[in-house]
Amino acid sequence: MSRDPIVYVIDDDESVRHSLEFLLDVAGIRVRSFASADAFLKSAPPLAGACVVTDVRMPGMTGVELAEELRRRSAGTPVIVVTGHADVPLAIQAMKAGVADFIEKPFDDDVMITAICDALARHSDEETAGAERQAVLDRIDTLSPREREVMDGLVAGQANKAIAFDLEISARTVEVYRANVMMKMQARTLSDLVRMVTIARLG
């Protein structure tokens, strides 16, 4: 699960907030609650390693609108929408807004805990993948234009002589550039380099 996770509960019903706070507290998950989406956004709490559990129908901004707003801000925070008025169009709207899960009231405690843990785990994996991709991109930025050309040839499966022919340089020079690429990219093997470049190009 995500490092030091916290769940933000947003519901205008005080009894629901207290119930969820108690449930998460017993499960050993940090929790903080808000009476409205507007109050949550105004407080601007840290979103790293967080999950939002929000009611769908509240005064002011709805739960789906909150999910859309967080998506606009590129927060990447998983949002679980809880509703007592589930209907298909609402569920579709929620999923389009990037909602991680859609749970109907009354819900089983285990269902809620499982949904939260799954959302946090998925988000943690995405954060890790994003950090790895950025690290690879930063390494690529340290390469000279010629080193990038040699790297592209290596990743395409070309032999040193073929790269030398295409770039009109000697095979020995390609070997020097290749060594520089491997060092700067922190790649132990050619397959390691291919994996890194693939990660960088997936974004």
N, C-alpha and C. Protein backbone atom coordinates (compact mmCIF):
# COMPACT_ATOMS: atom_id res chain seq x y z
N MET A 1 0.84 -1.19 0.00
CA MET A 1 0.00 0.00 0.00
C MET A 1 0.89 1.24 0.00
N SER A 2 0.31 2.42 -0.33
CA SER A 2 1.08 3.66 -0.43
C SER A 2 1.72 4.00 0.91
N ARG A 3 2.87 4.67 0.84
CA ARG A 3 3.59 5.01 2.05
C ARG A 3 2.77 5.94 2.93
N ASP A 4 2.71 5.66 4.24
CA ASP A 4 2.04 6.50 5.22
C ASP A 4 0.72 7.06 4.68
N PRO A 5 -0.22 6.20 4.29
CA PRO A 5 -1.44 6.67 3.62
C PRO A 5 -2.37 7.45 4.54
N ILE A 6 -3.16 8.31 3.94
CA ILE A 6 -4.20 9.03 4.66
C ILE A 6 -5.46 9.04 3.80
N VAL A 7 -6.60 8.92 4.44
CA VAL A 7 -7.88 8.96 3.72
C VAL A 7 -8.63 10.21 4.14
N TYR A 8 -9.10 10.97 3.16
CA TYR A 8 -9.92 12.16 3.42
C TYR A 8 -11.37 11.79 3.18
N VAL A 9 -12.18 11.85 4.23
CA VAL A 9 -13.60 11.54 4.14
C VAL A 9 -14.37 12.85 3.97
N ILE A 10 -15.20 12.93 2.92
CA ILE A 10 -15.96 14.15 2.65
C ILE A 10 -17.43 13.80 2.55
N ASP A 11 -18.21 14.26 3.53
CA ASP A 11 -19.64 13.95 3.57
C ASP A 11 -20.33 15.00 4.43
N ASP A 12 -21.49 15.50 3.97
CA ASP A 12 -22.20 16.51 4.75
C ASP A 12 -22.97 15.88 5.92
N ASP A 13 -23.05 14.56 5.95
CA ASP A 13 -23.73 13.86 7.04
C ASP A 13 -22.70 13.53 8.14
N GLU A 14 -22.86 14.20 9.27
CA GLU A 14 -21.88 14.06 10.36
C GLU A 14 -21.77 12.62 10.87
N SER A 15 -22.91 11.91 10.95
CA SER A 15 -22.89 10.54 11.45
C SER A 15 -22.11 9.62 10.51
N VAL A 16 -22.22 9.86 9.20
CA VAL A 16 -21.46 9.06 8.22
C VAL A 16 -19.97 9.34 8.36
N ARG A 17 -19.63 10.62 8.52
CA ARG A 17 -18.21 10.99 8.70
C ARG A 17 -17.62 10.29 9.92
N HIS A 18 -18.35 10.35 11.04
CA HIS A 18 -17.85 9.74 12.27
C HIS A 18 -17.74 8.23 12.14
N SER A 19 -18.70 7.63 11.45
CA SER A 19 -18.68 6.18 11.26
C SER A 19 -17.47 5.75 10.45
N LEU A 20 -17.19 6.49 9.36
CA LEU A 20 -16.03 6.16 8.52
C LEU A 20 -14.72 6.45 9.25
N GLU A 21 -14.70 7.52 10.01
CA GLU A 21 -13.50 7.85 10.79
C GLU A 21 -13.17 6.70 11.75
N PHE A 22 -14.21 6.19 12.43
CA PHE A 22 -14.02 5.11 13.38
C PHE A 22 -13.54 3.84 12.67
N LEU A 23 -14.18 3.51 11.54
CA LEU A 23 -13.83 2.32 10.76
C LEU A 23 -12.36 2.35 10.34
N LEU A 24 -11.93 3.50 9.80
CA LEU A 24 -10.55 3.61 9.30
C LEU A 24 -9.55 3.65 10.45
N ASP A 25 -9.93 4.30 11.54
CA ASP A 25 -9.06 4.37 12.71
C ASP A 25 -8.78 2.97 13.25
N VAL A 26 -9.83 2.16 13.33
CA VAL A 26 -9.68 0.78 13.82
C VAL A 26 -8.80 -0.03 12.86
N ALA A 27 -8.88 0.29 11.56
CA ALA A 27 -8.09 -0.42 10.56
C ALA A 27 -6.64 0.08 10.51
N GLY A 28 -6.33 1.08 11.34
CA GLY A 28 -4.97 1.60 11.39
C GLY A 28 -4.62 2.53 10.26
N ILE A 29 -5.64 3.14 9.63
CA ILE A 29 -5.42 4.07 8.52
C ILE A 29 -5.70 5.50 9.00
N ARG A 30 -4.77 6.40 8.75
CA ARG A 30 -4.98 7.80 9.14
C ARG A 30 -6.18 8.37 8.39
N VAL A 31 -6.96 9.19 9.06
CA VAL A 31 -8.16 9.74 8.44
C VAL A 31 -8.40 11.17 8.88
N ARG A 32 -8.94 11.97 7.97
CA ARG A 32 -9.32 13.35 8.27
C ARG A 32 -10.61 13.61 7.50
N SER A 33 -11.58 14.26 8.14
CA SER A 33 -12.88 14.43 7.47
C SER A 33 -13.23 15.90 7.24
N PHE A 34 -14.10 16.10 6.25
CA PHE A 34 -14.58 17.43 5.87
C PHE A 34 -16.07 17.35 5.59
N ALA A 35 -16.77 18.43 5.89
CA ALA A 35 -18.22 18.46 5.71
C ALA A 35 -18.64 18.77 4.27
N SER A 36 -17.69 19.24 3.45
CA SER A 36 -18.01 19.56 2.06
C SER A 36 -16.76 19.50 1.19
N ALA A 37 -16.98 19.35 -0.11
CA ALA A 37 -15.87 19.33 -1.06
C ALA A 37 -15.18 20.69 -1.08
N ASP A 38 -15.97 21.75 -0.94
CA ASP A 38 -15.41 23.11 -0.95
C ASP A 38 -14.47 23.31 0.25
N ALA A 39 -14.88 22.80 1.42
CA ALA A 39 -14.04 22.92 2.61
C ALA A 39 -12.74 22.12 2.43
N PHE A 40 -12.85 20.98 1.80
CA PHE A 40 -11.67 20.14 1.54
C PHE A 40 -10.68 20.86 0.63
N LEU A 41 -11.19 21.42 -0.47
CA LEU A 41 -10.31 22.12 -1.41
C LEU A 41 -9.71 23.37 -0.79
N LYS A 42 -10.50 24.06 0.03
CA LYS A 42 -10.03 25.28 0.67
C LYS A 42 -8.88 25.00 1.65
N SER A 43 -8.95 23.85 2.31
CA SER A 43 -7.90 23.51 3.28
C SER A 43 -6.61 23.05 2.60
N ALA A 44 -6.73 22.67 1.31
CA ALA A 44 -5.58 22.23 0.50
C ALA A 44 -4.68 21.25 1.23
N PRO A 45 -5.22 20.11 1.68
CA PRO A 45 -4.40 19.13 2.41
C PRO A 45 -3.41 18.44 1.47
N PRO A 46 -2.31 17.92 2.01
CA PRO A 46 -1.34 17.20 1.16
C PRO A 46 -1.98 15.96 0.54
N LEU A 47 -1.75 15.76 -0.76
CA LEU A 47 -2.41 14.67 -1.48
C LEU A 47 -1.49 13.48 -1.76
N ALA A 48 -0.20 13.60 -1.42
CA ALA A 48 0.72 12.48 -1.64
C ALA A 48 0.31 11.31 -0.74
N GLY A 49 0.14 10.14 -1.35
CA GLY A 49 -0.23 8.95 -0.60
C GLY A 49 -1.62 9.03 0.00
N ALA A 50 -2.51 9.81 -0.62
CA ALA A 50 -3.86 10.00 -0.07
C ALA A 50 -4.92 9.34 -0.94
N CYS A 51 -6.09 9.13 -0.32
CA CYS A 51 -7.27 8.63 -1.02
C CYS A 51 -8.45 9.45 -0.52
N VAL A 52 -9.35 9.80 -1.42
CA VAL A 52 -10.53 10.58 -1.06
C VAL A 52 -11.77 9.69 -1.12
N VAL A 53 -12.54 9.68 -0.02
CA VAL A 53 -13.84 8.99 0.00
C VAL A 53 -14.90 10.08 0.15
N THR A 54 -15.70 10.25 -0.88
CA THR A 54 -16.65 11.36 -0.86
C THR A 54 -18.08 10.94 -1.18
N ASP A 55 -19.03 11.58 -0.51
CA ASP A 55 -20.44 11.37 -0.86
C ASP A 55 -20.66 12.03 -2.21
N VAL A 56 -21.63 11.53 -2.97
CA VAL A 56 -21.84 12.09 -4.30
C VAL A 56 -22.72 13.33 -4.27
N ARG A 57 -23.74 13.35 -3.38
CA ARG A 57 -24.66 14.48 -3.33
C ARG A 57 -24.45 15.28 -2.04
N MET A 58 -23.91 16.50 -2.20
CA MET A 58 -23.66 17.38 -1.06
C MET A 58 -23.99 18.81 -1.46
N PRO A 59 -24.25 19.67 -0.49
CA PRO A 59 -24.42 21.09 -0.81
C PRO A 59 -23.15 21.62 -1.46
N GLY A 60 -23.28 22.45 -2.49
CA GLY A 60 -22.10 22.96 -3.19
C GLY A 60 -21.60 21.95 -4.20
N MET A 61 -20.31 21.77 -4.24
CA MET A 61 -19.69 20.85 -5.19
C MET A 61 -20.03 19.39 -4.87
N THR A 62 -20.41 18.63 -5.91
CA THR A 62 -20.73 17.21 -5.71
C THR A 62 -19.45 16.38 -5.67
N GLY A 63 -19.60 15.11 -5.31
CA GLY A 63 -18.45 14.22 -5.27
C GLY A 63 -17.83 14.01 -6.64
N VAL A 64 -18.67 13.90 -7.66
CA VAL A 64 -18.16 13.71 -9.03
C VAL A 64 -17.44 14.98 -9.50
N GLU A 65 -18.00 16.14 -9.19
CA GLU A 65 -17.34 17.41 -9.55
C GLU A 65 -15.99 17.55 -8.85
N LEU A 66 -15.93 17.06 -7.62
CA LEU A 66 -14.65 17.09 -6.89
C LEU A 66 -13.63 16.20 -7.59
N ALA A 67 -14.06 15.01 -8.01
CA ALA A 67 -13.15 14.10 -8.73
C ALA A 67 -12.66 14.77 -10.02
N GLU A 68 -13.56 15.45 -10.72
CA GLU A 68 -13.17 16.15 -11.96
C GLU A 68 -12.19 17.27 -11.67
N GLU A 69 -12.41 17.99 -10.56
CA GLU A 69 -11.52 19.10 -10.18
C GLU A 69 -10.13 18.58 -9.83
N LEU A 70 -10.06 17.48 -9.08
CA LEU A 70 -8.77 16.91 -8.71
C LEU A 70 -8.04 16.41 -9.96
N ARG A 71 -8.83 15.88 -10.91
CA ARG A 71 -8.22 15.41 -12.16
C ARG A 71 -7.67 16.60 -12.96
N ARG A 72 -8.42 17.71 -12.96
CA ARG A 72 -7.95 18.92 -13.66
C ARG A 72 -6.64 19.42 -13.07
N ARG A 73 -6.52 19.27 -11.76
CA ARG A 73 -5.31 19.73 -11.06
C ARG A 73 -4.17 18.71 -11.18
N SER A 74 -4.42 17.62 -11.91
CA SER A 74 -3.44 16.55 -12.09
C SER A 74 -2.95 16.00 -10.76
N ALA A 75 -3.86 15.93 -9.79
CA ALA A 75 -3.48 15.44 -8.46
C ALA A 75 -3.20 13.94 -8.48
N GLY A 76 -3.92 13.21 -9.33
CA GLY A 76 -3.72 11.76 -9.41
C GLY A 76 -4.24 11.02 -8.19
N THR A 77 -4.92 11.75 -7.30
CA THR A 77 -5.42 11.13 -6.07
C THR A 77 -6.62 10.24 -6.35
N PRO A 78 -6.59 8.97 -5.91
CA PRO A 78 -7.75 8.10 -6.14
C PRO A 78 -8.97 8.60 -5.36
N VAL A 79 -10.12 8.60 -6.02
CA VAL A 79 -11.37 9.06 -5.41
C VAL A 79 -12.39 7.93 -5.42
N ILE A 80 -12.96 7.66 -4.25
CA ILE A 80 -14.03 6.67 -4.13
C ILE A 80 -15.32 7.43 -3.84
N VAL A 81 -16.30 7.25 -4.71
CA VAL A 81 -17.57 7.95 -4.55
C VAL A 81 -18.59 7.03 -3.87
N VAL A 82 -19.23 7.57 -2.82
CA VAL A 82 -20.25 6.81 -2.08
C VAL A 82 -21.60 7.47 -2.32
N THR A 83 -22.62 6.68 -2.63
CA THR A 83 -23.94 7.25 -2.89
C THR A 83 -25.06 6.36 -2.40
N GLY A 84 -26.16 7.00 -2.01
CA GLY A 84 -27.36 6.26 -1.65
C GLY A 84 -28.36 6.32 -2.78
N HIS A 85 -27.97 6.96 -3.87
CA HIS A 85 -28.87 7.18 -5.01
C HIS A 85 -28.20 6.66 -6.28
N ALA A 86 -27.70 5.45 -6.24
CA ALA A 86 -26.96 4.92 -7.39
C ALA A 86 -27.84 4.77 -8.62
N ASP A 87 -27.32 5.23 -9.73
CA ASP A 87 -27.99 4.99 -11.01
C ASP A 87 -26.91 4.91 -12.08
N VAL A 88 -27.25 4.30 -13.20
CA VAL A 88 -26.26 4.04 -14.24
C VAL A 88 -25.61 5.31 -14.79
N PRO A 89 -26.41 6.35 -15.18
CA PRO A 89 -25.78 7.56 -15.72
C PRO A 89 -24.79 8.18 -14.74
N LEU A 90 -25.13 8.16 -13.45
CA LEU A 90 -24.25 8.73 -12.43
C LEU A 90 -22.95 7.93 -12.33
N ALA A 91 -23.08 6.61 -12.38
CA ALA A 91 -21.89 5.75 -12.32
C ALA A 91 -20.98 6.00 -13.52
N ILE A 92 -21.58 6.16 -14.71
CA ILE A 92 -20.81 6.42 -15.93
C ILE A 92 -20.09 7.77 -15.81
N GLN A 93 -20.81 8.78 -15.31
CA GLN A 93 -20.21 10.11 -15.13
C GLN A 93 -19.04 10.03 -14.16
N ALA A 94 -19.22 9.25 -13.09
CA ALA A 94 -18.16 9.10 -12.08
C ALA A 94 -16.93 8.45 -12.67
N MET A 95 -17.13 7.39 -13.45
CA MET A 95 -16.00 6.69 -14.05
C MET A 95 -15.27 7.58 -15.06
N LYS A 96 -16.02 8.39 -15.81
CA LYS A 96 -15.41 9.32 -16.77
C LYS A 96 -14.57 10.37 -16.05
N ALA A 97 -14.96 10.67 -14.81
CA ALA A 97 -14.23 11.66 -14.02
C ALA A 97 -12.98 11.05 -13.40
N GLY A 98 -12.77 9.74 -13.65
CA GLY A 98 -11.57 9.09 -13.14
C GLY A 98 -11.73 8.51 -11.75
N VAL A 99 -12.98 8.33 -11.32
CA VAL A 99 -13.23 7.79 -9.98
C VAL A 99 -12.70 6.34 -9.89
N ALA A 100 -12.02 6.04 -8.79
CA ALA A 100 -11.42 4.71 -8.61
C ALA A 100 -12.47 3.64 -8.31
N ASP A 101 -13.53 4.03 -7.57
CA ASP A 101 -14.57 3.06 -7.22
C ASP A 101 -15.87 3.81 -6.93
N PHE A 102 -16.97 3.08 -7.01
CA PHE A 102 -18.31 3.64 -6.86
C PHE A 102 -19.08 2.70 -5.94
N ILE A 103 -19.35 3.14 -4.71
CA ILE A 103 -19.93 2.25 -3.69
C ILE A 103 -21.30 2.76 -3.24
N GLU A 104 -22.25 1.85 -3.21
CA GLU A 104 -23.62 2.21 -2.80
C GLU A 104 -23.79 2.09 -1.28
N LYS A 105 -24.58 3.02 -0.72
CA LYS A 105 -24.98 2.92 0.68
C LYS A 105 -26.24 2.04 0.76
N PRO A 106 -26.40 1.29 1.83
CA PRO A 106 -25.42 1.07 2.90
C PRO A 106 -24.34 0.10 2.42
N PHE A 107 -23.11 0.35 2.81
CA PHE A 107 -22.02 -0.51 2.35
C PHE A 107 -21.47 -1.35 3.51
N ASP A 108 -20.90 -2.47 3.14
CA ASP A 108 -20.25 -3.35 4.12
C ASP A 108 -18.88 -2.77 4.45
N ASP A 109 -18.51 -2.80 5.73
CA ASP A 109 -17.22 -2.24 6.16
C ASP A 109 -16.05 -2.83 5.39
N ASP A 110 -16.09 -4.15 5.19
CA ASP A 110 -14.99 -4.83 4.48
C ASP A 110 -14.88 -4.36 3.04
N VAL A 111 -16.03 -4.09 2.42
CA VAL A 111 -16.05 -3.60 1.03
C VAL A 111 -15.34 -2.25 0.96
N MET A 112 -15.63 -1.37 1.91
CA MET A 112 -15.02 -0.04 1.93
C MET A 112 -13.51 -0.12 2.17
N ILE A 113 -13.10 -0.91 3.15
CA ILE A 113 -11.67 -1.03 3.46
C ILE A 113 -10.91 -1.61 2.27
N THR A 114 -11.49 -2.64 1.64
CA THR A 114 -10.85 -3.27 0.48
C THR A 114 -10.72 -2.26 -0.67
N ALA A 115 -11.79 -1.48 -0.91
CA ALA A 115 -11.76 -0.48 -1.99
C ALA A 115 -10.68 0.56 -1.74
N ILE A 116 -10.56 1.01 -0.49
CA ILE A 116 -9.55 2.02 -0.14
C ILE A 116 -8.14 1.45 -0.30
N CYS A 117 -7.91 0.25 0.22
CA CYS A 117 -6.59 -0.38 0.12
C CYS A 117 -6.19 -0.62 -1.34
N ASP A 118 -7.15 -1.06 -2.16
CA ASP A 118 -6.88 -1.30 -3.58
C ASP A 118 -6.53 0.01 -4.29
N ALA A 119 -7.29 1.07 -3.99
CA ALA A 119 -7.06 2.38 -4.63
C ALA A 119 -5.69 2.93 -4.25
N LEU A 120 -5.32 2.81 -2.98
CA LEU A 120 -4.03 3.29 -2.51
C LEU A 120 -2.88 2.49 -3.13
N ALA A 121 -3.07 1.17 -3.24
CA ALA A 121 -2.03 0.31 -3.82
C ALA A 121 -1.82 0.64 -5.29
N ARG A 122 -2.93 0.82 -6.03
CA ARG A 122 -2.83 1.17 -7.46
C ARG A 122 -2.12 2.51 -7.64
N HIS A 123 -2.50 3.47 -6.79
CA HIS A 123 -1.92 4.81 -6.89
C HIS A 123 -0.43 4.77 -6.57
N SER A 124 -0.06 3.96 -5.57
CA SER A 124 1.34 3.82 -5.20
C SER A 124 2.15 3.25 -6.36
N ASP A 125 1.60 2.25 -7.05
CA ASP A 125 2.27 1.66 -8.21
C ASP A 125 2.45 2.69 -9.32
N GLU A 126 1.41 3.52 -9.53
CA GLU A 126 1.47 4.54 -10.57
C GLU A 126 2.52 5.61 -10.23
N GLU A 127 2.58 5.98 -8.94
CA GLU A 127 3.58 6.96 -8.51
C GLU A 127 4.98 6.42 -8.72
N THR A 128 5.18 5.15 -8.39
CA THR A 128 6.50 4.52 -8.55
C THR A 128 6.89 4.49 -10.02
N ALA A 129 5.93 4.10 -10.88
CA ALA A 129 6.19 4.04 -12.32
C ALA A 129 6.49 5.43 -12.87
N GLY A 130 5.75 6.43 -12.40
CA GLY A 130 5.97 7.80 -12.85
C GLY A 130 7.33 8.33 -12.44
N ALA A 131 7.75 8.00 -11.22
CA ALA A 131 9.05 8.44 -10.73
C ALA A 131 10.18 7.77 -11.52
N GLU A 132 9.99 6.49 -11.85
CA GLU A 132 11.01 5.77 -12.62
C GLU A 132 11.13 6.36 -14.02
N ARG A 133 9.99 6.65 -14.64
CA ARG A 133 10.01 7.22 -15.99
C ARG A 133 10.71 8.58 -15.99
N GLN A 134 10.43 9.41 -14.97
CA GLN A 134 11.06 10.72 -14.89
C GLN A 134 12.57 10.60 -14.71
N ALA A 135 13.00 9.62 -13.93
CA ALA A 135 14.43 9.39 -13.72
C ALA A 135 15.11 9.02 -15.04
N VAL A 136 14.44 8.18 -15.84
CA VAL A 136 14.98 7.79 -17.14
C VAL A 136 15.05 9.00 -18.08
N LEU A 137 14.01 9.82 -18.09
CA LEU A 137 13.98 11.01 -18.94
C LEU A 137 15.10 11.99 -18.55
N ASP A 138 15.34 12.10 -17.24
CA ASP A 138 16.42 12.99 -16.76
C ASP A 138 17.78 12.49 -17.26
N ARG A 139 17.95 11.16 -17.27
CA ARG A 139 19.22 10.60 -17.76
C ARG A 139 19.37 10.84 -19.26
N ILE A 140 18.27 10.67 -20.00
CA ILE A 140 18.31 10.89 -21.45
C ILE A 140 18.71 12.34 -21.75
N ASP A 141 18.25 13.26 -20.91
CA ASP A 141 18.57 14.68 -21.10
C ASP A 141 20.07 14.97 -20.99
N THR A 142 20.81 14.07 -20.32
CA THR A 142 22.26 14.30 -20.16
C THR A 142 23.04 13.83 -21.39
N LEU A 143 22.37 13.13 -22.31
CA LEU A 143 23.05 12.63 -23.50
C LEU A 143 23.24 13.72 -24.55
N SER A 144 24.35 13.65 -25.27
CA SER A 144 24.57 14.57 -26.39
C SER A 144 23.71 14.08 -27.57
N PRO A 145 23.49 14.95 -28.57
CA PRO A 145 22.70 14.52 -29.73
C PRO A 145 23.26 13.25 -30.38
N ARG A 146 24.59 13.16 -30.49
CA ARG A 146 25.20 11.98 -31.12
C ARG A 146 25.01 10.74 -30.25
N GLU A 147 25.11 10.91 -28.93
CA GLU A 147 24.89 9.78 -28.02
C GLU A 147 23.45 9.27 -28.13
N ARG A 148 22.51 10.19 -28.32
CA ARG A 148 21.10 9.79 -28.50
C ARG A 148 20.93 8.98 -29.78
N GLU A 149 21.61 9.41 -30.84
CA GLU A 149 21.53 8.68 -32.11
C GLU A 149 22.08 7.26 -31.96
N VAL A 150 23.19 7.13 -31.25
CA VAL A 150 23.77 5.81 -31.02
C VAL A 150 22.82 4.98 -30.16
N MET A 151 22.23 5.60 -29.13
CA MET A 151 21.28 4.89 -28.27
C MET A 151 20.08 4.40 -29.08
N ASP A 152 19.56 5.25 -29.95
CA ASP A 152 18.42 4.84 -30.78
C ASP A 152 18.77 3.62 -31.64
N GLY A 153 19.99 3.62 -32.16
CA GLY A 153 20.44 2.50 -32.97
C GLY A 153 20.55 1.22 -32.15
N LEU A 154 21.09 1.35 -30.94
CA LEU A 154 21.23 0.19 -30.05
C LEU A 154 19.87 -0.38 -29.68
N VAL A 155 18.94 0.52 -29.34
CA VAL A 155 17.59 0.08 -28.93
C VAL A 155 16.86 -0.55 -30.10
N ALA A 156 17.18 -0.13 -31.32
CA ALA A 156 16.55 -0.70 -32.52
C ALA A 156 17.16 -2.05 -32.88
N GLY A 157 18.20 -2.45 -32.13
CA GLY A 157 18.80 -3.75 -32.37
C GLY A 157 19.93 -3.75 -33.39
N GLN A 158 20.44 -2.57 -33.73
CA GLN A 158 21.51 -2.48 -34.72
C GLN A 158 22.87 -2.83 -34.10
N ALA A 159 23.72 -3.44 -34.89
CA ALA A 159 25.10 -3.71 -34.47
C ALA A 159 25.92 -2.43 -34.57
N ASN A 160 27.06 -2.41 -33.86
CA ASN A 160 27.91 -1.22 -33.89
C ASN A 160 28.28 -0.80 -35.32
N LYS A 161 28.60 -1.79 -36.16
CA LYS A 161 29.01 -1.47 -37.54
C LYS A 161 27.87 -0.83 -38.33
N ALA A 162 26.64 -1.30 -38.10
CA ALA A 162 25.49 -0.73 -38.80
C ALA A 162 25.24 0.70 -38.34
N ILE A 163 25.37 0.94 -37.03
CA ILE A 163 25.20 2.30 -36.49
C ILE A 163 26.29 3.21 -37.07
N ALA A 164 27.52 2.69 -37.12
CA ALA A 164 28.65 3.46 -37.67
C ALA A 164 28.39 3.84 -39.12
N PHE A 165 27.87 2.89 -39.89
CA PHE A 165 27.58 3.14 -41.31
C PHE A 165 26.51 4.23 -41.45
N ASP A 166 25.42 4.10 -40.66
CA ASP A 166 24.31 5.07 -40.75
C ASP A 166 24.75 6.47 -40.35
N LEU A 167 25.61 6.56 -39.33
CA LEU A 167 26.01 7.88 -38.80
C LEU A 167 27.29 8.39 -39.46
N GLU A 168 27.87 7.55 -40.37
CA GLU A 168 29.10 7.90 -41.09
C GLU A 168 30.25 8.22 -40.13
N ILE A 169 30.41 7.34 -39.12
CA ILE A 169 31.52 7.43 -38.18
C ILE A 169 32.12 6.03 -38.06
N SER A 170 33.28 5.94 -37.42
CA SER A 170 33.93 4.63 -37.31
C SER A 170 33.26 3.78 -36.24
N ALA A 171 33.42 2.45 -36.36
CA ALA A 171 32.87 1.52 -35.38
C ALA A 171 33.50 1.77 -34.01
N ARG A 172 34.77 2.15 -34.03
CA ARG A 172 35.47 2.43 -32.76
C ARG A 172 34.83 3.63 -32.05
N THR A 173 34.45 4.63 -32.84
CA THR A 173 33.80 5.81 -32.26
C THR A 173 32.43 5.45 -31.68
N VAL A 174 31.73 4.55 -32.37
CA VAL A 174 30.43 4.08 -31.88
C VAL A 174 30.61 3.40 -30.52
N GLU A 175 31.70 2.61 -30.39
CA GLU A 175 31.97 1.93 -29.12
C GLU A 175 32.17 2.93 -27.98
N VAL A 176 32.82 4.04 -28.28
CA VAL A 176 33.04 5.08 -27.27
C VAL A 176 31.71 5.71 -26.86
N TYR A 177 30.90 6.05 -27.88
CA TYR A 177 29.58 6.63 -27.59
C TYR A 177 28.71 5.63 -26.83
N ARG A 178 28.79 4.37 -27.22
CA ARG A 178 28.00 3.33 -26.57
C ARG A 178 28.36 3.24 -25.08
N ALA A 179 29.65 3.28 -24.78
CA ALA A 179 30.10 3.22 -23.39
C ALA A 179 29.58 4.43 -22.61
N ASN A 180 29.60 5.60 -23.25
CA ASN A 180 29.09 6.82 -22.60
C ASN A 180 27.59 6.70 -22.32
N VAL A 181 26.85 6.17 -23.30
CA VAL A 181 25.40 6.00 -23.15
C VAL A 181 25.09 5.07 -21.99
N MET A 182 25.77 3.94 -21.94
CA MET A 182 25.53 2.97 -20.88
C MET A 182 25.83 3.56 -19.51
N MET A 183 26.89 4.35 -19.43
CA MET A 183 27.28 4.96 -18.16
C MET A 183 26.25 6.02 -17.74
N LYS A 184 25.92 6.92 -18.65
CA LYS A 184 24.99 8.01 -18.31
C LYS A 184 23.59 7.50 -18.02
N MET A 185 23.18 6.44 -18.72
CA MET A 185 21.84 5.89 -18.51
C MET A 185 21.80 4.93 -17.32
N GLN A 186 22.99 4.63 -16.76
CA GLN A 186 23.10 3.70 -15.62
C GLN A 186 22.52 2.32 -16.00
N ALA A 187 22.79 1.93 -17.24
CA ALA A 187 22.31 0.64 -17.74
C ALA A 187 23.42 -0.40 -17.62
N ARG A 188 23.12 -1.53 -16.98
CA ARG A 188 24.12 -2.58 -16.81
C ARG A 188 24.27 -3.42 -18.08
N THR A 189 23.17 -3.61 -18.77
CA THR A 189 23.17 -4.43 -19.99
C THR A 189 22.38 -3.73 -21.09
N LEU A 190 22.48 -4.25 -22.30
CA LEU A 190 21.73 -3.67 -23.41
C LEU A 190 20.22 -3.83 -23.19
N SER A 191 19.81 -4.96 -22.64
CA SER A 191 18.37 -5.17 -22.38
C SER A 191 17.86 -4.18 -21.32
N ASP A 192 18.75 -3.84 -20.39
CA ASP A 192 18.41 -2.84 -19.36
C ASP A 192 18.15 -1.49 -20.04
N LEU A 193 19.01 -1.15 -21.01
CA LEU A 193 18.86 0.10 -21.74
C LEU A 193 17.56 0.11 -22.55
N VAL A 194 17.26 -1.01 -23.20
CA VAL A 194 16.03 -1.12 -23.99
C VAL A 194 14.81 -0.92 -23.09
N ARG A 195 14.83 -1.53 -21.91
CA ARG A 195 13.71 -1.40 -20.96
C ARG A 195 13.52 0.06 -20.57
N MET A 196 14.62 0.76 -20.28
CA MET A 196 14.54 2.17 -19.87
C MET A 196 13.94 3.05 -20.97
N VAL A 197 14.43 2.86 -22.19
CA VAL A 197 13.95 3.67 -23.31
C VAL A 197 12.48 3.38 -23.58
N THR A 198 12.07 2.13 -23.42
CA THR A 198 10.66 1.76 -23.59
C THR A 198 9.80 2.48 -22.57
N ILE A 199 10.25 2.52 -21.32
CA ILE A 199 9.53 3.23 -20.25
C ILE A 199 9.38 4.70 -20.61
N ALA A 200 10.47 5.30 -21.10
CA ALA A 200 10.45 6.73 -21.44
C ALA A 200 9.48 7.03 -22.58
N ARG A 201 9.37 6.11 -23.52
CA ARG A 201 8.52 6.34 -24.70
C ARG A 201 7.05 6.03 -24.44
N LEU A 202 6.76 5.35 -23.35
CA LEU A 202 5.37 4.99 -23.05
C LEU A 202 4.56 6.18 -22.58
N GLY A 203 5.24 7.19 -22.05
CA GLY A 203 4.50 8.32 -21.47
C GLY A 203 3.85 9.19 -22.50
